[in-house]
Protein backbone atom coordinates (compact mmCIF):
# COMPACT_ATOMS: atom_id res chain seq x y z
CA UNK A 1 75.54 141.21 80.07
CA UNK A 2 73.80 141.96 83.08
CA UNK A 3 74.99 145.05 84.76
CA UNK A 4 72.86 145.32 88.07
CA UNK A 5 73.82 143.52 91.33
CA UNK A 6 70.58 141.06 92.27
CA UNK A 7 72.96 139.93 95.19
CA UNK A 8 75.32 141.68 97.16
CA UNK A 9 77.20 140.32 100.56
CA UNK A 10 79.46 142.79 102.06
CA UNK A 11 82.00 141.59 104.62
CA UNK A 12 78.83 139.38 105.37
CA UNK A 13 79.62 136.91 108.92
CA UNK A 14 77.49 134.64 110.65
CA UNK A 15 78.37 132.72 114.01
CA UNK A 16 76.73 129.89 116.06
CA UNK A 17 77.24 129.20 119.63
CA UNK A 18 78.33 125.59 120.09
CA UNK A 19 77.76 123.90 123.33
CA UNK A 20 81.19 121.96 124.57
CA UNK A 21 79.43 121.02 128.46
CA UNK A 22 75.98 120.03 128.20
CA UNK A 23 74.36 120.79 131.50
CA UNK A 24 70.83 118.61 131.40
CA UNK A 25 69.12 118.48 134.92
CA UNK A 26 68.71 120.93 137.93
CA UNK A 27 70.77 119.13 140.13
CA UNK A 28 73.84 119.49 137.80
CA UNK A 29 73.35 122.74 137.38
CA UNK A 30 73.07 123.28 141.12
CA UNK A 31 76.35 121.33 141.46
CA UNK A 32 78.01 123.40 138.73
CA UNK A 33 77.10 126.79 139.69
CA UNK A 34 78.59 125.59 143.79
CA UNK A 35 81.96 124.85 141.73
CA UNK A 36 82.02 127.38 139.01
CA UNK A 37 81.23 124.68 136.17
CA UNK A 38 78.70 126.25 134.27
CA UNK A 39 77.93 125.16 130.91
CA UNK A 40 80.76 125.50 128.20
CA UNK A 41 80.28 127.65 125.38
CA UNK A 42 82.24 128.16 122.11
CA UNK A 43 81.44 130.55 119.24
CA UNK A 44 82.12 129.10 115.58
CA UNK A 45 82.17 131.14 112.83
CA UNK A 46 80.52 129.58 109.77
CA UNK A 47 80.98 132.69 107.62
CA UNK A 48 83.77 135.18 107.81
CA UNK A 49 83.98 138.57 105.92
CA UNK A 50 82.32 137.07 102.85
CA UNK A 51 82.33 139.88 100.07
CA UNK A 52 80.18 138.38 97.01
CA UNK A 53 77.85 139.78 94.28
CA UNK A 54 75.81 138.31 91.71
CA UNK A 55 74.36 140.01 88.66
CA UNK A 56 70.94 139.82 87.62
CA UNK A 57 70.39 136.96 85.25
CA UNK A 58 73.85 135.28 86.17
CA UNK A 59 74.12 131.68 87.48
CA UNK A 60 76.78 131.23 90.29
CA UNK A 61 78.11 128.23 91.38
CA UNK A 62 79.25 127.87 95.08
CA UNK A 63 81.32 125.06 96.05
CA UNK A 64 83.95 123.56 98.55
CA UNK A 65 84.21 121.07 100.82
CA UNK A 66 81.92 120.29 104.10
CA UNK A 67 81.63 122.70 106.55
CA UNK A 68 82.89 125.53 104.44
CA UNK A 69 80.02 127.40 105.06
CA UNK A 70 78.10 126.74 101.39
CA UNK A 71 74.65 126.43 102.75
CA UNK A 72 74.83 129.02 105.65
CA UNK A 73 75.76 131.79 102.41
CA UNK A 74 72.26 130.57 100.88
CA UNK A 75 70.57 130.79 104.37
CA UNK A 76 71.90 134.42 104.63
CA UNK A 77 70.94 135.28 101.28
CA UNK A 78 67.13 133.71 101.68
CA UNK A 79 66.49 135.65 104.71
CA UNK A 80 66.28 132.79 106.90
CA UNK A 81 69.50 133.74 109.00
CA UNK A 82 70.64 137.17 109.55
CA UNK A 83 74.40 138.25 109.46
CA UNK A 84 76.00 139.03 112.60
CA UNK A 85 78.71 141.08 111.05
CA UNK A 86 78.39 142.77 107.48
CA UNK A 87 75.16 143.28 105.20
CA UNK A 88 73.49 141.26 102.63
CA UNK A 89 71.39 142.66 99.97
CA UNK A 90 68.83 140.96 97.86
CA UNK A 91 66.83 142.94 95.05
CA UNK A 92 64.02 140.34 93.98
CA UNK A 93 61.59 137.68 94.80
CA UNK A 94 63.33 134.75 96.19
CA UNK A 95 62.34 130.99 95.56
CA UNK A 96 64.37 128.58 97.82
CA UNK A 97 65.61 124.94 96.91
CA UNK A 98 66.90 124.42 100.25
CA UNK A 99 64.72 122.32 102.39
CA UNK A 100 62.04 121.00 100.21
CA UNK A 101 59.06 120.32 101.54
CA UNK A 102 59.28 122.90 104.63
CA UNK A 103 56.14 124.31 105.70
CA UNK A 104 54.06 120.98 104.52
CA UNK A 105 51.42 119.49 106.95
CA UNK A 106 51.62 116.11 106.96
CA UNK A 107 48.07 115.33 108.27
CA UNK A 108 46.96 117.90 104.77
CA UNK A 109 46.37 116.26 101.20
CA UNK A 110 49.07 117.07 98.51
CA UNK A 111 46.55 119.00 96.91
CA UNK A 112 46.06 121.18 100.46
CA UNK A 113 49.89 121.44 100.68
CA UNK A 114 50.45 122.73 97.48
CA UNK A 115 48.19 126.13 98.25
CA UNK A 116 49.65 126.18 101.82
CA UNK A 117 53.21 126.33 100.53
CA UNK A 118 52.27 128.58 98.24
CA UNK A 119 50.73 131.09 100.52
CA UNK A 120 53.79 131.21 102.72
CA UNK A 121 55.60 132.47 99.28
CA UNK A 122 53.08 135.20 99.15
CA UNK A 123 51.33 133.39 96.17
CA UNK A 124 47.59 134.37 95.77
CA UNK A 125 45.05 131.15 95.43
CA UNK A 126 43.86 132.21 91.92
CA UNK A 127 47.72 131.80 90.90
CA UNK A 128 48.18 128.73 92.35
CA UNK A 129 44.71 127.19 90.74
CA UNK A 130 45.92 128.41 87.16
CA UNK A 131 49.41 126.42 87.80
CA UNK A 132 47.84 123.44 89.87
CA UNK A 133 48.11 120.71 87.22
CA UNK A 134 51.29 121.66 85.79
CA UNK A 135 52.75 121.39 89.25
CA UNK A 136 51.07 118.24 89.94
CA UNK A 137 52.30 116.63 86.27
CA UNK A 138 55.59 118.15 87.50
CA UNK A 139 55.89 115.94 90.68
CA UNK A 140 54.27 113.14 88.77
CA UNK A 141 51.73 112.71 91.81
CA UNK A 142 48.52 112.80 89.62
CA UNK A 143 47.26 109.23 91.43
CA UNK A 144 48.73 110.37 94.94
CA UNK A 145 47.90 114.20 94.74
CA UNK A 146 44.50 113.80 97.45
CA UNK A 147 46.24 111.47 99.62
CA UNK A 148 47.77 112.76 102.85
CA UNK A 149 51.62 113.73 102.47
CA UNK A 150 52.16 111.45 105.65
CA UNK A 151 51.84 108.70 103.28
CA UNK A 152 54.73 109.89 100.97
CA UNK A 153 57.63 108.47 100.50
CA UNK A 154 60.55 110.86 101.07
CA UNK A 155 60.93 110.78 97.16
CA UNK A 156 57.63 112.02 96.31
CA UNK A 157 57.45 114.24 99.68
CA UNK A 158 60.59 116.02 98.10
CA UNK A 159 59.49 116.06 94.33
CA UNK A 160 56.30 118.09 95.12
CA UNK A 161 58.28 120.70 97.21
CA UNK A 162 60.54 121.31 94.46
CA UNK A 163 57.58 121.20 91.76
CA UNK A 164 55.74 123.76 93.56
CA UNK A 165 59.23 126.09 94.42
CA UNK A 166 59.78 126.12 90.56
CA UNK A 167 56.29 127.18 89.39
CA UNK A 168 56.38 130.00 91.77
CA UNK A 169 57.64 132.73 88.89
CA UNK A 170 60.90 133.33 90.70
CA UNK A 171 63.57 136.43 89.89
CA UNK A 172 66.49 134.65 92.38
CA UNK A 173 65.97 130.82 92.69
CA UNK A 174 68.77 129.36 95.50
CA UNK A 175 69.78 125.85 94.99
CA UNK A 176 71.29 123.66 97.52
CA UNK A 177 72.00 120.17 96.64
CA UNK A 178 68.35 120.16 95.24
CA UNK A 179 69.23 117.38 91.96
CA UNK A 180 69.27 114.36 94.88
CA UNK A 181 65.53 114.39 94.65
CA UNK A 182 63.89 111.39 92.65
CA UNK A 183 65.14 109.20 89.83
CA UNK A 184 67.51 110.23 87.18
CA UNK A 185 64.57 110.93 84.72
CA UNK A 186 63.25 113.64 87.16
CA UNK A 187 66.58 115.01 87.74
CA UNK A 188 67.08 115.80 84.21
CA UNK A 189 63.72 117.33 83.99
CA UNK A 190 64.95 119.85 86.99
CA UNK A 191 67.92 120.39 85.28
CA UNK A 192 65.83 121.78 82.34
CA UNK A 193 64.15 123.90 84.25
CA UNK A 194 66.79 125.99 85.70
CA UNK A 195 67.74 126.00 81.70
CA UNK A 196 64.45 127.66 81.19
CA UNK A 197 64.78 130.14 84.19
CA UNK A 198 68.50 131.05 82.79
CA UNK A 199 66.79 131.95 79.50
CA UNK A 200 64.25 134.13 81.11
CA UNK A 201 67.12 135.92 82.85
CA UNK A 202 66.39 134.21 86.17
CA UNK A 203 69.32 134.87 88.57
CA UNK A 204 70.83 131.27 90.26
CA UNK A 205 72.91 130.38 92.99
CA UNK A 206 73.90 126.90 92.98
CA UNK A 207 75.42 125.03 95.84
CA UNK A 208 76.29 121.60 94.44
CA UNK A 209 79.20 118.80 95.11
CA UNK A 210 78.61 118.06 91.64
CA UNK A 211 81.21 119.73 90.04
CA UNK A 212 80.80 118.84 86.02
CA UNK A 213 77.12 120.17 87.00
CA UNK A 214 78.55 123.44 88.16
CA UNK A 215 80.85 124.00 84.99
CA UNK A 216 77.93 123.36 82.85
CA UNK A 217 75.54 125.25 84.23
CA UNK A 218 76.85 128.16 85.83
CA UNK A 219 78.86 131.56 84.43
CA UNK A 220 80.88 131.81 87.56
CA UNK A 221 81.72 129.98 90.45
CA UNK A 222 82.87 130.93 94.13
CA UNK A 223 85.01 128.52 96.17
CA UNK A 224 84.19 128.72 100.30
CA UNK A 225 86.88 127.51 102.60
CA UNK A 226 86.29 127.54 106.20
CA UNK A 227 83.70 130.31 105.53
CA UNK A 228 85.86 132.22 103.60
CA UNK A 229 86.02 133.05 99.78
CA UNK A 230 89.15 131.34 98.35
CA UNK A 231 88.42 132.51 94.56
CA UNK A 232 85.59 133.51 92.32
CA UNK A 233 85.74 133.18 88.43
CA UNK A 234 85.40 131.20 85.25
CA UNK A 235 84.05 127.96 86.73
CA UNK A 236 87.03 125.85 84.93
CA UNK A 237 89.77 127.44 86.71
CA UNK A 238 87.83 127.68 90.50
CA UNK A 239 86.92 124.11 90.18
CA UNK A 240 90.56 123.61 89.34
CA UNK A 241 91.90 125.47 92.43
CA UNK A 242 89.68 123.19 94.34
CA UNK A 243 91.00 119.99 92.82
CA UNK A 244 94.11 121.00 94.24
CA UNK A 245 92.82 122.31 97.28
CA UNK A 246 91.37 119.19 98.39
CA UNK A 247 94.34 116.99 97.18
CA UNK A 248 96.68 118.59 99.47
CA UNK A 249 94.12 118.13 102.39
CA UNK A 250 92.32 114.89 102.12
CA UNK A 251 93.22 111.47 103.14
CA UNK A 252 92.60 108.24 100.97
CA UNK A 253 89.99 106.11 102.08
CA UNK A 254 90.36 102.26 102.09
CA UNK A 255 94.10 101.80 101.87
CA UNK A 256 95.17 98.41 102.62
CA UNK A 257 98.16 96.46 102.13
CA UNK A 258 99.33 92.77 101.94
CA UNK A 259 101.98 90.35 100.96
CA UNK A 260 104.89 88.16 101.78
CA UNK A 261 107.53 91.14 102.26
CA UNK A 262 110.29 89.69 100.25
CA UNK A 263 109.61 92.66 98.08
CA UNK A 264 108.22 96.11 99.83
CA UNK A 265 107.04 99.20 98.22
CA UNK A 266 108.59 101.96 99.62
CA UNK A 267 106.41 104.50 98.22
CA UNK A 268 105.48 106.58 95.10
CA UNK A 269 106.70 109.54 93.54
CA UNK A 270 105.10 111.59 90.60
CA UNK A 271 106.84 113.69 88.52
CA UNK A 272 106.41 116.45 86.15
CA UNK A 273 107.55 116.84 82.46
CA UNK A 274 110.34 118.31 84.05
CA UNK A 275 111.12 115.52 86.22
CA UNK A 276 110.52 117.55 89.22
CA UNK A 277 108.78 116.10 92.16
CA UNK A 278 104.47 117.47 92.03
CA UNK A 279 101.31 116.18 93.42
CA UNK A 280 99.22 117.99 90.67
CA UNK A 281 99.55 117.35 86.72
CA UNK A 282 97.61 118.70 83.53
CA UNK A 283 95.23 116.89 80.94
CA UNK A 284 98.00 115.88 78.05
CA UNK A 285 101.03 116.55 80.06
CA UNK A 286 104.21 114.13 80.09
CA UNK A 287 103.44 112.21 83.91
CA UNK A 288 105.73 109.72 85.48
CA UNK A 289 104.83 107.54 88.38
CA UNK A 290 108.44 106.52 90.32
CA UNK A 291 107.82 103.34 92.25
CA UNK A 292 110.23 102.80 94.84
CA UNK A 293 111.03 99.78 96.05
CA UNK A 294 113.55 97.10 98.78
CA UNK A 295 114.21 93.38 98.16
CA UNK A 296 115.63 91.61 101.58
CA UNK A 297 117.34 89.37 98.91
CA UNK A 298 117.49 88.95 95.04
CA UNK A 299 114.34 87.97 93.56
CA UNK A 300 114.22 86.73 89.94
CA UNK A 301 111.67 87.94 87.41
CA UNK A 302 109.16 90.03 89.64
CA UNK A 303 106.09 91.48 88.24
CA UNK A 304 105.78 95.10 89.35
CA UNK A 305 102.06 96.92 88.57
CA UNK A 306 100.40 100.09 89.25
CA UNK A 307 96.56 100.86 89.48
CA UNK A 308 94.83 104.17 88.52
CA UNK A 309 91.26 104.97 90.44
CA UNK A 310 89.18 107.25 90.08
CA UNK A 311 88.32 109.21 93.37
CA UNK A 312 85.22 107.24 93.58
CA UNK A 313 86.55 103.56 93.16
CA UNK A 314 86.10 103.23 89.40
CA UNK A 315 89.36 101.08 88.37
CA UNK A 316 90.50 103.23 85.20
CA UNK A 317 93.98 101.15 84.40
CA UNK A 318 95.86 98.33 85.46
CA UNK A 319 99.16 98.37 83.80
CA UNK A 320 102.22 95.97 84.79
CA UNK A 321 105.59 95.12 83.73
CA UNK A 322 104.43 91.84 82.54
CA UNK A 323 101.82 92.76 80.24
CA UNK A 324 103.97 95.54 78.77
CA UNK A 325 106.31 93.51 77.46
CA UNK A 326 108.78 94.65 80.22
CA UNK A 327 110.44 91.90 81.99
CA UNK A 328 112.46 92.66 84.84
CA UNK A 329 115.44 89.59 85.16
CA UNK A 330 115.73 90.39 89.14
CA UNK A 331 116.19 92.78 91.80
CA UNK A 332 118.15 92.98 94.95
CA UNK A 333 118.34 96.03 97.39
CA UNK A 334 116.80 99.03 97.04
CA UNK A 335 115.72 100.67 93.81
CA UNK A 336 113.47 102.59 91.32
CA UNK A 337 111.37 101.57 88.37
CA UNK A 338 109.60 104.64 86.46
CA UNK A 339 106.33 104.43 84.66
CA UNK A 340 105.88 107.52 82.10
CA UNK A 341 102.64 108.36 80.23
CA UNK A 342 103.60 110.40 77.66
CA UNK A 343 100.71 112.51 77.41
CA UNK A 344 98.28 111.86 80.46
CA UNK A 345 94.40 111.13 79.45
CA UNK A 346 92.79 111.86 82.78
CA UNK A 347 90.24 114.94 83.03
CA UNK A 348 90.43 117.01 85.78
CA UNK A 349 89.90 115.22 89.21
CA UNK A 350 91.77 113.46 91.76
CA UNK A 351 92.87 110.34 91.25
CA UNK A 352 94.33 107.51 93.41
CA UNK A 353 97.08 105.10 92.89
CA UNK A 354 97.83 101.50 93.86
CA UNK A 355 101.24 99.74 93.29
CA UNK A 356 102.21 96.09 93.58
CA UNK A 357 104.74 93.83 93.57
CA UNK A 358 104.21 89.88 92.45
CA UNK A 359 105.77 86.76 91.48
CA UNK A 360 105.87 86.32 87.76
CA UNK A 361 102.98 83.93 87.29
CA UNK A 362 101.07 87.01 89.33
CA UNK A 363 100.12 84.57 92.16
CA UNK A 364 102.07 85.53 95.24
CA UNK A 365 102.01 89.13 96.16
CA UNK A 366 105.42 90.24 97.81
CA UNK A 367 103.81 93.60 98.60
CA UNK A 368 100.55 95.00 97.17
CA UNK A 369 99.54 98.59 98.40
CA UNK A 370 95.95 99.34 97.50
CA UNK A 371 94.88 103.27 97.15
CA UNK A 372 97.86 104.29 98.87
CA UNK A 373 98.68 106.95 97.23
CA UNK A 374 96.93 110.01 95.04
CA UNK A 375 97.47 113.02 92.88
CA UNK A 376 95.37 115.77 91.08
CA UNK A 377 94.61 116.93 87.60
CA UNK A 378 94.08 120.37 86.65
CA UNK A 379 92.58 121.31 83.50
CA UNK A 380 95.05 121.22 80.36
CA UNK A 381 94.81 121.26 76.97
CA UNK A 382 91.71 119.59 76.38
CA UNK A 383 88.04 121.16 76.37
CA UNK A 384 86.64 117.75 77.33
CA UNK A 385 84.79 117.94 80.64
CA UNK A 386 82.56 114.99 80.95
CA UNK A 387 84.04 111.93 82.35
CA UNK A 388 87.49 110.64 84.17
CA UNK A 389 89.28 110.41 80.54
CA UNK A 390 90.14 111.76 77.24
CA UNK A 391 90.55 109.23 74.48
CA UNK A 392 92.82 109.57 71.91
CA UNK A 393 90.45 110.23 68.64
CA UNK A 394 89.15 112.09 66.02
CA UNK A 395 85.60 113.21 64.48
CA UNK A 396 84.80 112.61 61.03
CA UNK A 397 81.74 113.41 59.31
CA UNK A 398 80.67 112.07 55.73
CA UNK A 399 76.50 113.80 56.01
CA UNK A 400 75.21 115.79 53.38
CA UNK A 401 74.43 119.32 53.91
CA UNK A 402 70.81 119.25 53.05
CA UNK A 403 68.85 121.19 50.56
CA UNK A 404 68.24 124.55 50.93
């Protein structure tokens, strides 16, 4: 295990000045000065009191909501920004995959920009010449390397920037959502290159909203919220804490409602295995969704249903009382209906629930509340990480052992 710290932040803070009242012209400045109405400014702390260390050869994932300070943290480590308080110490040659292609000149060719960009990192021309063919092949730009980069698409531009950056033999690599570069094949190529860096003992700090990637690639994770460190530790544990934090503070986009109103869905309640109200569950635990409803008058043979969605819209399951063979003769007044899941199959993440009440033929909607409640699943009794659901299945093997 690595013991020395390659990166160390000691109560590092960074602030920016935000203009609240913009004064644009000379006349407005003069009038403002006469009335004591100067340009209004506010101090915004993007990072506050961050203490963090990264060991040599370690891969650290940095996660958190938008505006948490993740990119500012990388810019401090890269030396692009200077802390206003505290200090940042970095021991090693840094390659930043932050603003790919920064420093490229649009009037120069791809070939010329490779040498220009490498020189900005202090890499001698002779070294770049030896790596030139590998850089061009990695970027998949052989046909266009002698064309001015102003004629490149945004994807070509970013691929060239990534290719140059990863061929500079860095000791420390800073990555800020760089896997959005190129198509799926190019993204896999980038991931393989980071795996190669890990094998060579390169220190990596990765900022990403792709939590599966963070868990797959990183030895440790750091959760930022409003410019402060919430927690650091094993990626699975920190990601679970992020899911819980996100579930508590996020709204539900795309909520809709329609129906005749003969039955009204009053709300949903989520119950733990002990029957306690909760907003979180764990994979494989017992979990109950309780539907609260009110019927204005007696309604014969209604059908109640639920729909479970992944946070980004995937429809995972849509049970209803009719298809489940659970007929309801009639309802009147207020009541509850429970849907109990003995072993929750959902993997860690945030899930959205819809609830419905229809007539017996599933034609007339009494109340259809689409995407109106959410719960968060934390790490439970499974080692599976990919996808959204765990299947109740087992592996078997009938192959031969081969010849020794």
